[in-house]
């Protein structure tokens, strides 16, 4: 995984986990990879992974089961989608709007491009 410099690594791991959940690679109610497995896969320190999983636990997206690891909550996909939508509207959309203004792109032009069959 290539990490960006503008966001803490543990937050990027949270984003990675959100992406796995939204892609249904990690089914609701099922066990997720262990701290050690994620650390090896992502090539990061186990403490960094643990901090990311603690964040997901605080968001009630994962739940620990003593001696068994972490499991996705039954409503993890819905909670994840809600959290990602909120992040989009708070962070991504304002940045997109600023970029559009700098480039002189109108909302109508953007909508036209978004709804074009070939994306052009």
N, C-alpha and C. Protein backbone atom coordinates (compact mmCIF):
# COMPACT_ATOMS: atom_id res chain seq x y z
N UNK A 1 0.85 -1.17 0.00
CA UNK A 1 0.00 0.00 0.00
C UNK A 1 0.90 1.24 0.00
N UNK A 2 0.62 2.17 -0.88
CA UNK A 2 1.34 3.43 -0.91
C UNK A 2 0.59 4.43 -0.04
N UNK A 3 1.28 4.96 0.95
CA UNK A 3 0.64 5.88 1.87
C UNK A 3 0.86 7.32 1.45
N UNK A 4 -0.20 8.11 1.55
CA UNK A 4 -0.12 9.54 1.26
C UNK A 4 0.51 10.23 2.48
N UNK A 5 1.04 11.40 2.25
CA UNK A 5 1.69 12.11 3.35
C UNK A 5 0.75 13.09 4.05
N UNK A 6 -0.40 13.37 3.46
CA UNK A 6 -1.30 14.38 4.03
C UNK A 6 -2.30 13.82 5.04
N UNK A 7 -2.23 12.53 5.33
CA UNK A 7 -3.19 11.90 6.23
C UNK A 7 -2.45 10.88 7.09
N UNK A 8 -2.74 10.80 8.38
CA UNK A 8 -2.05 9.82 9.23
C UNK A 8 -2.24 8.39 8.68
N UNK A 9 -1.22 7.58 8.84
CA UNK A 9 -1.26 6.22 8.29
C UNK A 9 -2.42 5.43 8.87
N UNK A 10 -2.68 5.57 10.17
CA UNK A 10 -3.78 4.80 10.75
C UNK A 10 -5.12 5.17 10.10
N UNK A 11 -5.30 6.45 9.72
CA UNK A 11 -6.54 6.87 9.05
C UNK A 11 -6.61 6.27 7.65
N UNK A 12 -5.46 6.14 7.00
CA UNK A 12 -5.42 5.51 5.69
C UNK A 12 -5.75 4.02 5.78
N UNK A 13 -5.37 3.41 6.89
CA UNK A 13 -5.73 2.00 7.12
C UNK A 13 -7.23 1.89 7.37
N UNK A 14 -7.79 2.84 8.10
CA UNK A 14 -9.25 2.87 8.29
C UNK A 14 -9.93 2.96 6.92
N UNK A 15 -9.42 3.84 6.05
CA UNK A 15 -9.98 3.97 4.70
C UNK A 15 -9.85 2.66 3.93
N UNK A 16 -8.72 1.98 4.07
CA UNK A 16 -8.50 0.68 3.43
C UNK A 16 -9.56 -0.32 3.90
N UNK A 17 -9.81 -0.35 5.20
CA UNK A 17 -10.82 -1.25 5.76
C UNK A 17 -12.21 -0.89 5.25
N UNK A 18 -12.51 0.41 5.22
CA UNK A 18 -13.81 0.85 4.68
C UNK A 18 -13.97 0.36 3.25
N UNK A 19 -12.92 0.47 2.46
CA UNK A 19 -13.00 0.04 1.05
C UNK A 19 -13.27 -1.46 0.95
N UNK A 20 -12.63 -2.27 1.80
CA UNK A 20 -12.87 -3.72 1.78
C UNK A 20 -14.32 -4.03 2.16
N UNK A 21 -14.85 -3.26 3.12
CA UNK A 21 -16.23 -3.48 3.56
C UNK A 21 -17.20 -3.09 2.45
N UNK A 22 -17.01 -1.92 1.85
CA UNK A 22 -17.92 -1.45 0.81
C UNK A 22 -17.86 -2.32 -0.44
N UNK A 23 -16.70 -2.91 -0.71
CA UNK A 23 -16.55 -3.80 -1.86
C UNK A 23 -17.08 -5.20 -1.55
N UNK A 24 -17.56 -5.39 -0.33
CA UNK A 24 -18.09 -6.68 0.14
C UNK A 24 -17.02 -7.77 0.17
N UNK A 25 -15.75 -7.36 0.22
CA UNK A 25 -14.67 -8.33 0.37
C UNK A 25 -14.64 -8.88 1.78
N UNK A 26 -15.10 -8.06 2.73
CA UNK A 26 -15.24 -8.48 4.11
C UNK A 26 -16.74 -8.47 4.43
N UNK A 27 -17.40 -9.63 4.42
CA UNK A 27 -18.85 -9.69 4.66
C UNK A 27 -19.24 -9.34 6.10
N UNK A 28 -20.38 -8.72 6.24
CA UNK A 28 -20.92 -8.36 7.55
C UNK A 28 -21.02 -9.60 8.42
N UNK A 29 -20.64 -9.44 9.69
CA UNK A 29 -20.71 -10.53 10.64
C UNK A 29 -19.52 -11.48 10.61
N UNK A 30 -18.68 -11.37 9.62
CA UNK A 30 -17.54 -12.27 9.47
C UNK A 30 -16.29 -11.70 10.12
N UNK A 31 -15.33 -12.58 10.37
CA UNK A 31 -14.04 -12.19 10.95
C UNK A 31 -13.23 -11.43 9.90
N UNK A 32 -12.54 -10.39 10.36
CA UNK A 32 -11.65 -9.66 9.47
C UNK A 32 -10.22 -10.15 9.73
N UNK A 33 -9.28 -9.82 8.85
CA UNK A 33 -7.89 -10.24 9.10
C UNK A 33 -7.40 -9.72 10.45
N UNK A 34 -6.50 -10.49 11.05
CA UNK A 34 -5.96 -10.12 12.36
C UNK A 34 -5.05 -8.90 12.24
N UNK A 35 -4.72 -8.34 13.39
CA UNK A 35 -3.81 -7.20 13.44
C UNK A 35 -2.50 -7.57 12.74
N UNK A 36 -1.97 -8.72 13.05
CA UNK A 36 -0.71 -9.16 12.46
C UNK A 36 -0.84 -9.36 10.95
N UNK A 37 -1.94 -9.99 10.52
CA UNK A 37 -2.15 -10.20 9.08
C UNK A 37 -2.22 -8.87 8.33
N UNK A 38 -2.96 -7.92 8.89
CA UNK A 38 -3.06 -6.61 8.25
C UNK A 38 -1.71 -5.89 8.24
N UNK A 39 -0.97 -6.00 9.33
CA UNK A 39 0.34 -5.35 9.41
C UNK A 39 1.27 -5.90 8.32
N UNK A 40 1.25 -7.20 8.13
CA UNK A 40 2.09 -7.82 7.09
C UNK A 40 1.61 -7.40 5.71
N UNK A 41 0.31 -7.47 5.47
CA UNK A 41 -0.24 -7.11 4.16
C UNK A 41 0.07 -5.67 3.80
N UNK A 42 -0.10 -4.77 4.78
CA UNK A 42 0.08 -3.34 4.53
C UNK A 42 1.51 -2.85 4.79
N UNK A 43 2.34 -3.75 5.33
CA UNK A 43 3.74 -3.43 5.62
C UNK A 43 3.87 -2.24 6.58
N UNK A 44 3.13 -2.35 7.69
CA UNK A 44 3.17 -1.31 8.73
C UNK A 44 3.33 -1.97 10.09
N UNK A 45 3.59 -1.16 11.08
CA UNK A 45 3.73 -1.60 12.45
C UNK A 45 2.38 -2.08 12.99
N UNK A 46 2.41 -3.13 13.82
CA UNK A 46 1.16 -3.65 14.39
C UNK A 46 0.44 -2.61 15.25
N UNK A 47 1.18 -1.72 15.89
CA UNK A 47 0.56 -0.68 16.72
C UNK A 47 -0.26 0.29 15.86
N UNK A 48 0.20 0.54 14.65
CA UNK A 48 -0.53 1.43 13.75
C UNK A 48 -1.84 0.76 13.32
N UNK A 49 -1.77 -0.53 13.01
CA UNK A 49 -2.99 -1.28 12.65
C UNK A 49 -3.94 -1.30 13.84
N UNK A 50 -3.42 -1.54 15.02
CA UNK A 50 -4.26 -1.59 16.21
C UNK A 50 -4.99 -0.26 16.43
N UNK A 51 -4.30 0.85 16.20
CA UNK A 51 -4.94 2.16 16.34
C UNK A 51 -6.08 2.31 15.32
N UNK A 52 -5.87 1.83 14.10
CA UNK A 52 -6.92 1.89 13.08
C UNK A 52 -8.11 1.03 13.50
N UNK A 53 -7.84 -0.16 14.01
CA UNK A 53 -8.94 -1.05 14.42
C UNK A 53 -9.67 -0.49 15.65
N UNK A 54 -8.95 0.18 16.52
CA UNK A 54 -9.61 0.84 17.66
C UNK A 54 -10.56 1.93 17.17
N UNK A 55 -10.16 2.62 16.11
CA UNK A 55 -11.03 3.64 15.51
C UNK A 55 -12.29 2.99 14.95
N UNK A 56 -12.12 1.89 14.23
CA UNK A 56 -13.27 1.18 13.67
C UNK A 56 -14.17 0.62 14.78
N UNK A 57 -13.56 0.20 15.86
CA UNK A 57 -14.34 -0.29 16.99
C UNK A 57 -15.13 0.85 17.63
N UNK A 58 -14.52 2.01 17.77
CA UNK A 58 -15.22 3.17 18.33
C UNK A 58 -16.37 3.60 17.43
N UNK A 59 -16.24 3.39 16.12
CA UNK A 59 -17.31 3.70 15.17
C UNK A 59 -18.37 2.59 15.13
N UNK A 60 -18.15 1.53 15.92
CA UNK A 60 -19.05 0.36 16.00
C UNK A 60 -19.17 -0.35 14.66
N UNK A 61 -18.08 -0.35 13.89
CA UNK A 61 -18.04 -1.06 12.62
C UNK A 61 -17.50 -2.47 12.83
N UNK A 62 -16.58 -2.62 13.78
CA UNK A 62 -16.07 -3.93 14.14
C UNK A 62 -16.29 -4.16 15.63
N UNK A 63 -16.32 -5.43 16.00
CA UNK A 63 -16.46 -5.80 17.41
C UNK A 63 -15.42 -6.88 17.72
N UNK A 64 -14.77 -6.78 18.89
CA UNK A 64 -13.81 -7.82 19.25
C UNK A 64 -14.52 -9.02 19.87
N UNK A 65 -13.97 -10.20 19.60
CA UNK A 65 -14.43 -11.41 20.27
C UNK A 65 -13.21 -12.04 20.92
N UNK A 66 -13.26 -12.11 22.21
CA UNK A 66 -12.11 -12.58 22.99
C UNK A 66 -11.56 -13.90 22.43
N UNK A 67 -10.28 -13.87 22.11
CA UNK A 67 -9.59 -15.07 21.62
C UNK A 67 -9.88 -15.41 20.17
N UNK A 68 -10.74 -14.63 19.52
CA UNK A 68 -11.12 -14.96 18.14
C UNK A 68 -10.78 -13.86 17.15
N UNK A 69 -10.55 -12.64 17.64
CA UNK A 69 -10.22 -11.54 16.75
C UNK A 69 -11.34 -10.54 16.63
N UNK A 70 -11.31 -9.80 15.53
CA UNK A 70 -12.32 -8.77 15.26
C UNK A 70 -13.29 -9.26 14.20
N UNK A 71 -14.56 -8.89 14.39
CA UNK A 71 -15.60 -9.27 13.45
C UNK A 71 -16.36 -8.01 13.03
N UNK A 72 -16.84 -8.03 11.80
CA UNK A 72 -17.65 -6.91 11.34
C UNK A 72 -19.00 -6.94 12.01
N UNK A 73 -19.49 -5.79 12.38
CA UNK A 73 -20.84 -5.68 12.92
C UNK A 73 -21.82 -6.02 11.79
N UNK A 74 -23.00 -6.51 12.14
CA UNK A 74 -23.98 -6.85 11.09
C UNK A 74 -24.33 -5.66 10.20
N UNK A 75 -24.31 -4.44 10.76
CA UNK A 75 -24.65 -3.26 9.97
C UNK A 75 -23.42 -2.47 9.53
N UNK A 76 -22.27 -3.13 9.50
CA UNK A 76 -21.02 -2.46 9.12
C UNK A 76 -21.06 -1.82 7.74
N UNK A 77 -21.63 -2.47 6.72
CA UNK A 77 -21.66 -1.82 5.40
C UNK A 77 -22.45 -0.51 5.42
N UNK A 78 -23.57 -0.48 6.12
CA UNK A 78 -24.38 0.73 6.18
C UNK A 78 -23.66 1.84 6.94
N UNK A 79 -23.06 1.48 8.09
CA UNK A 79 -22.33 2.48 8.87
C UNK A 79 -21.13 3.01 8.09
N UNK A 80 -20.46 2.13 7.38
CA UNK A 80 -19.31 2.53 6.59
C UNK A 80 -19.73 3.47 5.47
N UNK A 81 -20.79 3.13 4.77
CA UNK A 81 -21.28 3.98 3.68
C UNK A 81 -21.67 5.36 4.21
N UNK A 82 -22.33 5.39 5.37
CA UNK A 82 -22.72 6.67 5.98
C UNK A 82 -21.49 7.51 6.31
N UNK A 83 -20.49 6.88 6.90
CA UNK A 83 -19.27 7.60 7.28
C UNK A 83 -18.54 8.12 6.05
N UNK A 84 -18.46 7.30 5.00
CA UNK A 84 -17.76 7.72 3.79
C UNK A 84 -18.52 8.83 3.06
N UNK A 85 -19.86 8.76 3.06
CA UNK A 85 -20.66 9.83 2.46
C UNK A 85 -20.44 11.15 3.19
N UNK A 86 -20.44 11.08 4.52
CA UNK A 86 -20.23 12.28 5.32
C UNK A 86 -18.85 12.87 5.01
N UNK A 87 -17.83 12.02 4.94
CA UNK A 87 -16.48 12.50 4.62
C UNK A 87 -16.45 13.13 3.23
N UNK A 88 -17.17 12.53 2.28
CA UNK A 88 -17.23 13.08 0.93
C UNK A 88 -17.81 14.49 0.94
N UNK A 89 -18.93 14.67 1.63
CA UNK A 89 -19.58 15.98 1.64
C UNK A 89 -18.81 17.03 2.44
N UNK A 90 -18.08 16.59 3.45
CA UNK A 90 -17.32 17.54 4.27
C UNK A 90 -15.97 17.89 3.66
N UNK A 91 -15.29 16.91 3.08
CA UNK A 91 -13.93 17.13 2.60
C UNK A 91 -13.79 17.15 1.08
N UNK A 92 -14.27 16.12 0.42
CA UNK A 92 -14.05 15.97 -1.02
C UNK A 92 -14.82 16.98 -1.84
N UNK A 93 -16.09 17.14 -1.55
CA UNK A 93 -16.92 18.04 -2.35
C UNK A 93 -16.45 19.50 -2.29
N UNK A 94 -16.13 20.05 -1.12
CA UNK A 94 -15.61 21.42 -1.10
C UNK A 94 -14.31 21.57 -1.90
N UNK A 95 -13.43 20.56 -1.82
CA UNK A 95 -12.18 20.62 -2.59
C UNK A 95 -12.48 20.56 -4.09
N UNK A 96 -13.44 19.74 -4.47
CA UNK A 96 -13.84 19.66 -5.88
C UNK A 96 -14.42 20.99 -6.35
N UNK A 97 -15.24 21.60 -5.52
CA UNK A 97 -15.84 22.89 -5.88
C UNK A 97 -14.75 23.95 -6.09
N UNK A 98 -13.77 24.00 -5.19
CA UNK A 98 -12.67 24.96 -5.35
C UNK A 98 -11.90 24.71 -6.65
N UNK A 99 -11.63 23.46 -6.95
CA UNK A 99 -10.91 23.10 -8.17
C UNK A 99 -11.73 23.50 -9.41
N UNK A 100 -13.03 23.26 -9.36
CA UNK A 100 -13.90 23.64 -10.48
C UNK A 100 -13.87 25.14 -10.70
N UNK A 101 -13.93 25.89 -9.60
CA UNK A 101 -13.92 27.36 -9.71
C UNK A 101 -12.61 27.85 -10.32
N UNK A 102 -11.49 27.25 -9.91
CA UNK A 102 -10.19 27.64 -10.46
C UNK A 102 -10.10 27.35 -11.95
N UNK A 103 -10.73 26.26 -12.38
CA UNK A 103 -10.65 25.84 -13.78
C UNK A 103 -11.80 26.37 -14.63
N UNK A 104 -12.74 27.05 -14.00
CA UNK A 104 -13.87 27.59 -14.73
C UNK A 104 -14.86 26.54 -15.19
N UNK A 105 -14.98 25.47 -14.45
CA UNK A 105 -15.92 24.40 -14.78
C UNK A 105 -17.24 24.69 -14.07
N UNK A 106 -18.32 24.73 -14.81
CA UNK A 106 -19.62 25.00 -14.22
C UNK A 106 -20.24 23.70 -13.70
N UNK A 107 -21.16 23.80 -12.75
CA UNK A 107 -21.86 22.60 -12.28
C UNK A 107 -22.60 21.90 -13.43
N UNK A 108 -23.13 22.68 -14.37
CA UNK A 108 -23.83 22.09 -15.52
C UNK A 108 -22.87 21.27 -16.38
N UNK A 109 -21.67 21.81 -16.60
CA UNK A 109 -20.68 21.09 -17.40
C UNK A 109 -20.26 19.79 -16.70
N UNK A 110 -20.09 19.86 -15.39
CA UNK A 110 -19.73 18.67 -14.64
C UNK A 110 -20.83 17.62 -14.74
N UNK A 111 -22.06 18.05 -14.55
CA UNK A 111 -23.20 17.12 -14.63
C UNK A 111 -23.28 16.49 -16.01
N UNK A 112 -23.07 17.31 -17.03
CA UNK A 112 -23.09 16.79 -18.41
C UNK A 112 -22.04 15.70 -18.60
N UNK A 113 -20.83 15.95 -18.08
CA UNK A 113 -19.75 14.96 -18.19
C UNK A 113 -20.04 13.71 -17.37
N UNK A 114 -20.61 13.91 -16.21
CA UNK A 114 -20.91 12.76 -15.34
C UNK A 114 -21.99 11.85 -15.93
N UNK A 115 -22.92 12.44 -16.66
CA UNK A 115 -24.03 11.65 -17.20
C UNK A 115 -23.80 11.20 -18.64
N UNK A 116 -22.68 11.64 -19.26
CA UNK A 116 -22.38 11.21 -20.63
C UNK A 116 -22.10 9.70 -20.63
N UNK A 117 -22.61 8.98 -21.63
CA UNK A 117 -22.44 7.52 -21.68
C UNK A 117 -20.98 7.07 -21.69
N UNK A 118 -20.11 7.82 -22.35
CA UNK A 118 -18.71 7.40 -22.42
C UNK A 118 -17.82 8.15 -21.45
N UNK A 119 -18.37 9.03 -20.63
CA UNK A 119 -17.60 9.78 -19.66
C UNK A 119 -16.87 10.98 -20.23
N UNK A 120 -17.02 11.26 -21.53
CA UNK A 120 -16.35 12.41 -22.17
C UNK A 120 -17.28 13.59 -22.30
